[in-house]
Amino acid sequence: IEFPEYSVECYNDPSVGINPDAAYDCGKPVGPIWKV
């Protein structure tokens, strides 16, 4: 599914994205698998 593009702000700032009142209004991030 093609959701609105992910950004760190989308997850952390409700004012960012298509829903100004909620976070997570975007797709999931894509990136590395890390070792810790």
PDB file of all heavy atoms in Angstrom:
ATOM      1  N   ILE A   1       0.852  -1.187   0.000  1.00  0.00           N
ATOM      2  CA  ILE A   1       0.000   0.000   0.000  1.00  0.00           C
ATOM      3  C   ILE A   1       0.889   1.239   0.000  1.00  0.00           C
ATOM      4  O   ILE A   1       1.899   1.306   0.713  1.00  0.00           O
ATOM      5  CB  ILE A   1      -0.914   0.006   1.240  1.00  0.00           C
ATOM      6  CG1 ILE A   1      -1.869  -1.197   1.219  1.00  0.00           C
ATOM      7  CG2 ILE A   1      -1.694   1.319   1.333  1.00  0.00           C
ATOM      8  CD1 ILE A   1      -2.907  -1.154   0.127  1.00  0.00           C
ATOM      9  N   GLU A   2       0.517   2.229  -0.778  1.00  0.00           N
ATOM     10  CA  GLU A   2       1.275   3.483  -0.853  1.00  0.00           C
ATOM     11  C   GLU A   2       0.638   4.510   0.072  1.00  0.00           C
ATOM     12  O   GLU A   2      -0.349   5.168  -0.258  1.00  0.00           O
ATOM     13  CB  GLU A   2       1.312   3.986  -2.291  1.00  0.00           C
ATOM     14  CG  GLU A   2       2.084   3.049  -3.222  1.00  0.00           C
ATOM     15  CD  GLU A   2       2.068   3.494  -4.668  1.00  0.00           C
ATOM     16  OE1 GLU A   2       1.408   4.522  -4.973  1.00  0.00           O
ATOM     17  OE2 GLU A   2       2.692   2.823  -5.511  1.00  0.00           O
ATOM     18  N   PHE A   3       1.199   4.621   1.271  1.00  0.00           N
ATOM     19  CA  PHE A   3       0.755   5.599   2.255  1.00  0.00           C
ATOM     20  C   PHE A   3       1.489   6.921   2.039  1.00  0.00           C
ATOM     21  O   PHE A   3       2.492   6.965   1.305  1.00  0.00           O
ATOM     22  CB  PHE A   3       1.039   5.082   3.664  1.00  0.00           C
ATOM     23  CG  PHE A   3       0.138   3.967   4.120  1.00  0.00           C
ATOM     24  CD1 PHE A   3       0.619   2.676   4.236  1.00  0.00           C
ATOM     25  CD2 PHE A   3      -1.193   4.213   4.437  1.00  0.00           C
ATOM     26  CE1 PHE A   3      -0.196   1.642   4.668  1.00  0.00           C
ATOM     27  CE2 PHE A   3      -2.032   3.190   4.867  1.00  0.00           C
ATOM     28  CZ  PHE A   3      -1.532   1.902   4.982  1.00  0.00           C
ATOM     29  N   PRO A   4       1.047   7.999   2.686  1.00  0.00           N
ATOM     30  CA  PRO A   4       1.849   9.227   2.658  1.00  0.00           C
ATOM     31  C   PRO A   4       3.276   8.921   3.124  1.00  0.00           C
ATOM     32  O   PRO A   4       3.497   8.085   3.992  1.00  0.00           O
ATOM     33  CB  PRO A   4       1.123  10.140   3.651  1.00  0.00           C
ATOM     34  CG  PRO A   4      -0.301   9.665   3.623  1.00  0.00           C
ATOM     35  CD  PRO A   4      -0.221   8.178   3.436  1.00  0.00           C
ATOM     36  N   GLU A   5       4.230   9.613   2.538  1.00  0.00           N
ATOM     37  CA  GLU A   5       5.639   9.298   2.788  1.00  0.00           C
ATOM     38  C   GLU A   5       6.013   9.489   4.251  1.00  0.00           C
ATOM     39  O   GLU A   5       5.621  10.465   4.898  1.00  0.00           O
ATOM     40  CB  GLU A   5       6.535  10.170   1.917  1.00  0.00           C
ATOM     41  CG  GLU A   5       8.005   9.830   2.006  1.00  0.00           C
ATOM     42  CD  GLU A   5       8.842  10.637   1.029  1.00  0.00           C
ATOM     43  OE1 GLU A   5       8.274  11.415   0.257  1.00  0.00           O
ATOM     44  OE2 GLU A   5      10.090  10.474   1.063  1.00  0.00           O
ATOM     45  N   TYR A   6       6.776   8.546   4.757  1.00  0.00           N
ATOM     46  CA  TYR A   6       7.227   8.594   6.149  1.00  0.00           C
ATOM     47  C   TYR A   6       8.191   9.753   6.373  1.00  0.00           C
ATOM     48  O   TYR A   6       8.994  10.115   5.512  1.00  0.00           O
ATOM     49  CB  TYR A   6       7.944   7.291   6.511  1.00  0.00           C
ATOM     50  CG  TYR A   6       8.749   7.394   7.785  1.00  0.00           C
ATOM     51  CD1 TYR A   6       8.140   7.261   9.024  1.00  0.00           C
ATOM     52  CD2 TYR A   6      10.121   7.659   7.736  1.00  0.00           C
ATOM     53  CE1 TYR A   6       8.871   7.371  10.202  1.00  0.00           C
ATOM     54  CE2 TYR A   6      10.863   7.762   8.916  1.00  0.00           C
ATOM     55  CZ  TYR A   6      10.239   7.622  10.138  1.00  0.00           C
ATOM     56  OH  TYR A   6      10.962   7.739  11.295  1.00  0.00           O
ATOM     57  N   SER A   7       8.138  10.331   7.563  1.00  0.00           N
ATOM     58  CA  SER A   7       9.163  11.241   8.050  1.00  0.00           C
ATOM     59  C   SER A   7       9.236  11.086   9.557  1.00  0.00           C
ATOM     60  O   SER A   7       8.276  10.642  10.203  1.00  0.00           O
ATOM     61  CB  SER A   7       8.842  12.706   7.697  1.00  0.00           C
ATOM     62  OG  SER A   7       7.723  13.159   8.445  1.00  0.00           O
ATOM     63  N   VAL A   8      10.363  11.429  10.124  1.00  0.00           N
ATOM     64  CA  VAL A   8      10.505  11.381  11.584  1.00  0.00           C
ATOM     65  C   VAL A   8       9.468  12.279  12.235  1.00  0.00           C
ATOM     66  O   VAL A   8       8.863  11.934  13.261  1.00  0.00           O
ATOM     67  CB  VAL A   8      11.934  11.799  11.978  1.00  0.00           C
ATOM     68  CG1 VAL A   8      12.053  11.915  13.494  1.00  0.00           C
ATOM     69  CG2 VAL A   8      12.957  10.809  11.433  1.00  0.00           C
ATOM     70  N   GLU A   9       9.237  13.441  11.627  1.00  0.00           N
ATOM     71  CA  GLU A   9       8.273  14.383  12.191  1.00  0.00           C
ATOM     72  C   GLU A   9       6.864  13.821  12.172  1.00  0.00           C
ATOM     73  O   GLU A   9       6.077  14.082  13.078  1.00  0.00           O
ATOM     74  CB  GLU A   9       8.321  15.701  11.409  1.00  0.00           C
ATOM     75  CG  GLU A   9       9.619  16.473  11.549  1.00  0.00           C
ATOM     76  CD  GLU A   9      10.765  15.877  10.737  1.00  0.00           C
ATOM     77  OE1 GLU A   9      10.484  15.083   9.810  1.00  0.00           O
ATOM     78  OE2 GLU A   9      11.927  16.197  11.030  1.00  0.00           O
ATOM     79  N   CYS A  10       6.533  13.041  11.140  1.00  0.00           N
ATOM     80  CA  CYS A  10       5.209  12.436  11.058  1.00  0.00           C
ATOM     81  C   CYS A  10       4.935  11.552  12.267  1.00  0.00           C
ATOM     82  O   CYS A  10       3.807  11.500  12.765  1.00  0.00           O
ATOM     83  CB  CYS A  10       5.092  11.620   9.779  1.00  0.00           C
ATOM     84  SG  CYS A  10       3.719  10.467   9.733  1.00  0.00           S
ATOM     85  N   TYR A  11       5.958  10.865  12.741  1.00  0.00           N
ATOM     86  CA  TYR A  11       5.805   9.991  13.908  1.00  0.00           C
ATOM     87  C   TYR A  11       5.799  10.774  15.224  1.00  0.00           C
ATOM     88  O   TYR A  11       5.209  10.325  16.211  1.00  0.00           O
ATOM     89  CB  TYR A  11       6.926   8.955  13.935  1.00  0.00           C
ATOM     90  CG  TYR A  11       6.622   7.658  13.216  1.00  0.00           C
ATOM     91  CD1 TYR A  11       5.823   7.617  12.078  1.00  0.00           C
ATOM     92  CD2 TYR A  11       7.156   6.458  13.666  1.00  0.00           C
ATOM     93  CE1 TYR A  11       5.560   6.432  11.422  1.00  0.00           C
ATOM     94  CE2 TYR A  11       6.896   5.258  13.018  1.00  0.00           C
ATOM     95  CZ  TYR A  11       6.096   5.251  11.892  1.00  0.00           C
ATOM     96  OH  TYR A  11       5.828   4.055  11.241  1.00  0.00           O
ATOM     97  N   ASN A  12       6.483  11.904  15.250  1.00  0.00           N
ATOM     98  CA  ASN A  12       6.711  12.595  16.523  1.00  0.00           C
ATOM     99  C   ASN A  12       5.942  13.888  16.710  1.00  0.00           C
ATOM    100  O   ASN A  12       5.823  14.370  17.839  1.00  0.00           O
ATOM    101  CB  ASN A  12       8.207  12.891  16.678  1.00  0.00           C
ATOM    102  CG  ASN A  12       9.042  11.628  16.736  1.00  0.00           C
ATOM    103  OD1 ASN A  12       8.637  10.648  17.359  1.00  0.00           O
ATOM    104  ND2 ASN A  12      10.205  11.639  16.103  1.00  0.00           N
ATOM    105  N   ASP A  13       5.412  14.449  15.635  1.00  0.00           N
ATOM    106  CA  ASP A  13       4.748  15.750  15.714  1.00  0.00           C
ATOM    107  C   ASP A  13       3.375  15.652  15.054  1.00  0.00           C
ATOM    108  O   ASP A  13       3.277  15.591  13.829  1.00  0.00           O
ATOM    109  CB  ASP A  13       5.594  16.812  15.012  1.00  0.00           C
ATOM    110  CG  ASP A  13       5.013  18.216  15.136  1.00  0.00           C
ATOM    111  OD1 ASP A  13       3.875  18.360  15.633  1.00  0.00           O
ATOM    112  OD2 ASP A  13       5.710  19.166  14.719  1.00  0.00           O
ATOM    113  N   PRO A  14       2.306  15.653  15.849  1.00  0.00           N
ATOM    114  CA  PRO A  14       0.965  15.526  15.267  1.00  0.00           C
ATOM    115  C   PRO A  14       0.639  16.591  14.225  1.00  0.00           C
ATOM    116  O   PRO A  14      -0.162  16.345  13.314  1.00  0.00           O
ATOM    117  CB  PRO A  14       0.040  15.639  16.485  1.00  0.00           C
ATOM    118  CG  PRO A  14       0.876  15.183  17.635  1.00  0.00           C
ATOM    119  CD  PRO A  14       2.265  15.660  17.323  1.00  0.00           C
ATOM    120  N   SER A  15       1.244  17.755  14.324  1.00  0.00           N
ATOM    121  CA  SER A  15       0.912  18.831  13.385  1.00  0.00           C
ATOM    122  C   SER A  15       1.463  18.575  11.991  1.00  0.00           C
ATOM    123  O   SER A  15       1.043  19.228  11.029  1.00  0.00           O
ATOM    124  CB  SER A  15       1.437  20.172  13.909  1.00  0.00           C
ATOM    125  OG  SER A  15       2.859  20.207  13.888  1.00  0.00           O
ATOM    126  N   VAL A  16       2.400  17.634  11.870  1.00  0.00           N
ATOM    127  CA  VAL A  16       2.995  17.322  10.575  1.00  0.00           C
ATOM    128  C   VAL A  16       2.203  16.198   9.913  1.00  0.00           C
ATOM    129  O   VAL A  16       1.849  15.215  10.547  1.00  0.00           O
ATOM    130  CB  VAL A  16       4.464  16.882  10.733  1.00  0.00           C
ATOM    131  CG1 VAL A  16       5.038  16.405   9.405  1.00  0.00           C
ATOM    132  CG2 VAL A  16       5.294  18.025  11.301  1.00  0.00           C
ATOM    133  N   GLY A  17       1.904  16.362   8.623  1.00  0.00           N
ATOM    134  CA  GLY A  17       1.175  15.330   7.909  1.00  0.00           C
ATOM    135  C   GLY A  17      -0.246  15.747   7.589  1.00  0.00           C
ATOM    136  O   GLY A  17      -0.679  16.865   7.884  1.00  0.00           O
ATOM    137  N   ILE A  18      -0.999  14.833   6.987  1.00  0.00           N
ATOM    138  CA  ILE A  18      -2.326  15.191   6.490  1.00  0.00           C
ATOM    139  C   ILE A  18      -3.351  15.323   7.603  1.00  0.00           C
ATOM    140  O   ILE A  18      -4.386  15.958   7.414  1.00  0.00           O
ATOM    141  CB  ILE A  18      -2.811  14.173   5.440  1.00  0.00           C
ATOM    142  CG1 ILE A  18      -3.022  12.799   6.072  1.00  0.00           C
ATOM    143  CG2 ILE A  18      -1.828  14.072   4.288  1.00  0.00           C
ATOM    144  CD1 ILE A  18      -3.665  11.823   5.116  1.00  0.00           C
ATOM    145  N   ASN A  19      -3.092  14.742   8.762  1.00  0.00           N
ATOM    146  CA  ASN A  19      -3.976  14.902   9.922  1.00  0.00           C
ATOM    147  C   ASN A  19      -3.255  15.767  10.946  1.00  0.00           C
ATOM    148  O   ASN A  19      -2.308  15.307  11.597  1.00  0.00           O
ATOM    149  CB  ASN A  19      -4.327  13.549  10.524  1.00  0.00           C
ATOM    150  CG  ASN A  19      -5.322  13.663  11.673  1.00  0.00           C
ATOM    151  OD1 ASN A  19      -5.506  14.731  12.259  1.00  0.00           O
ATOM    152  ND2 ASN A  19      -5.973  12.554  12.013  1.00  0.00           N
ATOM    153  N   PRO A  20      -3.687  17.020  11.116  1.00  0.00           N
ATOM    154  CA  PRO A  20      -2.961  17.928  12.007  1.00  0.00           C
ATOM    155  C   PRO A  20      -3.109  17.598  13.482  1.00  0.00           C
ATOM    156  O   PRO A  20      -2.459  18.230  14.331  1.00  0.00           O
ATOM    157  CB  PRO A  20      -3.582  19.291  11.687  1.00  0.00           C
ATOM    158  CG  PRO A  20      -4.965  18.967  11.228  1.00  0.00           C
ATOM    159  CD  PRO A  20      -4.847  17.667  10.485  1.00  0.00           C
ATOM    160  N   ASP A  21      -3.942  16.632  13.791  1.00  0.00           N
ATOM    161  CA  ASP A  21      -4.209  16.298  15.192  1.00  0.00           C
ATOM    162  C   ASP A  21      -3.661  14.943  15.617  1.00  0.00           C
ATOM    163  O   ASP A  21      -3.918  14.499  16.741  1.00  0.00           O
ATOM    164  CB  ASP A  21      -5.721  16.321  15.453  1.00  0.00           C
ATOM    165  CG  ASP A  21      -6.337  17.678  15.174  1.00  0.00           C
ATOM    166  OD1 ASP A  21      -5.739  18.696  15.589  1.00  0.00           O
ATOM    167  OD2 ASP A  21      -7.395  17.732  14.522  1.00  0.00           O
ATOM    168  N   ALA A  22      -2.936  14.268  14.737  1.00  0.00           N
ATOM    169  CA  ALA A  22      -2.482  12.919  15.067  1.00  0.00           C
ATOM    170  C   ALA A  22      -1.130  12.616  14.438  1.00  0.00           C
ATOM    171  O   ALA A  22      -0.857  13.026  13.309  1.00  0.00           O
ATOM    172  CB  ALA A  22      -3.504  11.881  14.607  1.00  0.00           C
ATOM    173  N   ALA A  23      -0.304  11.897  15.173  1.00  0.00           N
ATOM    174  CA  ALA A  23       0.939  11.366  14.625  1.00  0.00           C
ATOM    175  C   ALA A  23       0.655  10.052  13.896  1.00  0.00           C
ATOM    176  O   ALA A  23      -0.464   9.547  13.917  1.00  0.00           O
ATOM    177  CB  ALA A  23       1.951  11.142  15.751  1.00  0.00           C
ATOM    178  N   TYR A  24       1.648   9.524  13.234  1.00  0.00           N
ATOM    179  CA  TYR A  24       1.580   8.247  12.509  1.00  0.00           C
ATOM    180  C   TYR A  24       0.626   8.281  11.316  1.00  0.00           C
ATOM    181  O   TYR A  24       0.148   7.251  10.867  1.00  0.00           O
ATOM    182  CB  TYR A  24       1.195   7.098  13.447  1.00  0.00           C
ATOM    183  CG  TYR A  24       2.092   7.014  14.655  1.00  0.00           C
ATOM    184  CD1 TYR A  24       1.644   7.393  15.915  1.00  0.00           C
ATOM    185  CD2 TYR A  24       3.415   6.590  14.518  1.00  0.00           C
ATOM    186  CE1 TYR A  24       2.485   7.339  17.018  1.00  0.00           C
ATOM    187  CE2 TYR A  24       4.257   6.528  15.619  1.00  0.00           C
ATOM    188  CZ  TYR A  24       3.780   6.915  16.866  1.00  0.00           C
ATOM    189  OH  TYR A  24       4.617   6.860  17.962  1.00  0.00           O
ATOM    190  N   ASP A  25       0.394   9.471  10.763  1.00  0.00           N
ATOM    191  CA  ASP A  25      -0.471   9.589   9.586  1.00  0.00           C
ATOM    192  C   ASP A  25       0.371   9.479   8.310  1.00  0.00           C
ATOM    193  O   ASP A  25       0.285  10.311   7.400  1.00  0.00           O
ATOM    194  CB  ASP A  25      -1.265  10.899   9.620  1.00  0.00           C
ATOM    195  CG  ASP A  25      -0.400  12.130   9.865  1.00  0.00           C
ATOM    196  OD1 ASP A  25       0.734  11.975  10.346  1.00  0.00           O
ATOM    197  OD2 ASP A  25      -0.874  13.252   9.586  1.00  0.00           O
ATOM    198  N   CYS A  26       1.173   8.427   8.243  1.00  0.00           N
ATOM    199  CA  CYS A  26       2.061   8.195   7.106  1.00  0.00           C
ATOM    200  C   CYS A  26       2.455   6.726   7.103  1.00  0.00           C
ATOM    201  O   CYS A  26       2.066   5.956   7.987  1.00  0.00           O
ATOM    202  CB  CYS A  26       3.319   9.070   7.203  1.00  0.00           C
ATOM    203  SG  CYS A  26       4.307   8.788   8.693  1.00  0.00           S
ATOM    204  N   GLY A  27       3.229   6.333   6.107  1.00  0.00           N
ATOM    205  CA  GLY A  27       3.680   4.953   6.021  1.00  0.00           C
ATOM    206  C   GLY A  27       4.804   4.654   6.996  1.00  0.00           C
ATOM    207  O   GLY A  27       5.237   5.517   7.775  1.00  0.00           O
ATOM    208  N   LYS A  28       5.286   3.436   6.953  1.00  0.00           N
ATOM    209  CA  LYS A  28       6.382   3.018   7.815  1.00  0.00           C
ATOM    210  C   LYS A  28       7.719   3.448   7.201  1.00  0.00           C
ATOM    211  O   LYS A  28       7.832   3.596   5.987  1.00  0.00           O
ATOM    212  CB  LYS A  28       6.363   1.492   7.997  1.00  0.00           C
ATOM    213  CG  LYS A  28       5.086   0.938   8.615  1.00  0.00           C
ATOM    214  CD  LYS A  28       5.140  -0.587   8.657  1.00  0.00           C
ATOM    215  CE  LYS A  28       3.797  -1.198   9.039  1.00  0.00           C
ATOM    216  NZ  LYS A  28       3.455  -1.002  10.440  1.00  0.00           N
ATOM    217  N   PRO A  29       8.727   3.627   8.027  1.00  0.00           N
ATOM    218  CA  PRO A  29      10.045   3.964   7.489  1.00  0.00           C
ATOM    219  C   PRO A  29      10.667   2.776   6.765  1.00  0.00           C
ATOM    220  O   PRO A  29      10.276   1.630   6.964  1.00  0.00           O
ATOM    221  CB  PRO A  29      10.853   4.315   8.743  1.00  0.00           C
ATOM    222  CG  PRO A  29      10.169   3.572   9.843  1.00  0.00           C
ATOM    223  CD  PRO A  29       8.715   3.543   9.496  1.00  0.00           C
ATOM    224  N   VAL A  30      11.609   3.072   5.916  1.00  0.00           N
ATOM    225  CA  VAL A  30      12.438   2.062   5.250  1.00  0.00           C
ATOM    226  C   VAL A  30      13.881   2.398   5.589  1.00  0.00           C
ATOM    227  O   VAL A  30      14.267   3.570   5.600  1.00  0.00           O
ATOM    228  CB  VAL A  30      12.229   2.085   3.724  1.00  0.00           C
ATOM    229  CG1 VAL A  30      13.210   1.148   3.032  1.00  0.00           C
ATOM    230  CG2 VAL A  30      10.800   1.714   3.371  1.00  0.00           C
ATOM    231  N   GLY A  31      14.669   1.383   5.894  1.00  0.00           N
ATOM    232  CA  GLY A  31      16.049   1.689   6.238  1.00  0.00           C
ATOM    233  C   GLY A  31      16.826   0.476   6.682  1.00  0.00           C
ATOM    234  O   GLY A  31      16.383  -0.663   6.503  1.00  0.00           O
ATOM    235  N   PRO A  32      17.981   0.694   7.274  1.00  0.00           N
ATOM    236  CA  PRO A  32      18.881  -0.413   7.605  1.00  0.00           C
ATOM    237  C   PRO A  32      18.324  -1.307   8.717  1.00  0.00           C
ATOM    238  O   PRO A  32      17.457  -0.914   9.495  1.00  0.00           O
ATOM    239  CB  PRO A  32      20.158   0.289   8.080  1.00  0.00           C
ATOM    240  CG  PRO A  32      20.050   1.693   7.597  1.00  0.00           C
ATOM    241  CD  PRO A  32      18.589   2.006   7.563  1.00  0.00           C
ATOM    242  N   ILE A  33      18.856  -2.500   8.777  1.00  0.00           N
ATOM    243  CA  ILE A  33      18.708  -3.373   9.935  1.00  0.00           C
ATOM    244  C   ILE A  33      20.019  -3.268  10.706  1.00  0.00           C
ATOM    245  O   ILE A  33      21.092  -3.516  10.166  1.00  0.00           O
ATOM    246  CB  ILE A  33      18.423  -4.824   9.519  1.00  0.00           C
ATOM    247  CG1 ILE A  33      17.079  -4.885   8.758  1.00  0.00           C
ATOM    248  CG2 ILE A  33      18.402  -5.741  10.728  1.00  0.00           C
ATOM    249  CD1 ILE A  33      16.732  -6.265   8.226  1.00  0.00           C
ATOM    250  N   TRP A  34      19.916  -2.866  11.980  1.00  0.00           N
ATOM    251  CA  TRP A  34      21.078  -2.517  12.779  1.00  0.00           C
ATOM    252  C   TRP A  34      21.488  -3.648  13.713  1.00  0.00           C
ATOM    253  O   TRP A  34      20.691  -4.528  14.049  1.00  0.00           O
ATOM    254  CB  TRP A  34      20.780  -1.273  13.622  1.00  0.00           C
ATOM    255  CG  TRP A  34      20.337  -0.083  12.844  1.00  0.00           C
ATOM    256  CD1 TRP A  34      19.055   0.297  12.565  1.00  0.00           C
ATOM    257  CD2 TRP A  34      21.172   0.901  12.229  1.00  0.00           C
ATOM    258  NE1 TRP A  34      19.035   1.454  11.820  1.00  0.00           N
ATOM    259  CE2 TRP A  34      20.317   1.850  11.603  1.00  0.00           C
ATOM    260  CE3 TRP A  34      22.557   1.082  12.159  1.00  0.00           C
ATOM    261  CZ2 TRP A  34      20.811   2.952  10.914  1.00  0.00           C
ATOM    262  CZ3 TRP A  34      23.041   2.188  11.477  1.00  0.00           C
ATOM    263  CH2 TRP A  34      22.168   3.101  10.857  1.00  0.00           C
ATOM    264  N   LYS A  35      22.738  -3.584  14.185  1.00  0.00           N
ATOM    265  CA  LYS A  35      23.264  -4.469  15.217  1.00  0.00           C
ATOM    266  C   LYS A  35      23.548  -3.620  16.454  1.00  0.00           C
ATOM    267  O   LYS A  35      24.149  -2.539  16.337  1.00  0.00           O
ATOM    268  CB  LYS A  35      24.558  -5.136  14.738  1.00  0.00           C
ATOM    269  CG  LYS A  35      24.419  -5.909  13.437  1.00  0.00           C
ATOM    270  CD  LYS A  35      25.752  -6.171  12.762  1.00  0.00           C
ATOM    271  CE  LYS A  35      26.389  -4.909  12.227  1.00  0.00           C
ATOM    272  NZ  LYS A  35      27.570  -5.162  11.354  1.00  0.00           N
ATOM    273  N   VAL A  36      23.127  -4.085  17.616  1.00  0.00           N
ATOM    274  CA  VAL A  36      23.353  -3.324  18.845  1.00  0.00           C
ATOM    275  C   VAL A  36      23.899  -4.252  19.923  1.00  0.00           C
ATOM    276  O   VAL A  36      23.787  -5.475  19.836  1.00  0.00           O
ATOM    277  CB  VAL A  36      22.067  -2.628  19.352  1.00  0.00           C
ATOM    278  CG1 VAL A  36      21.510  -1.692  18.289  1.00  0.00           C
ATOM    279  CG2 VAL A  36      21.025  -3.653  19.782  1.00  0.00           C
TER     280      VAL A  36
END
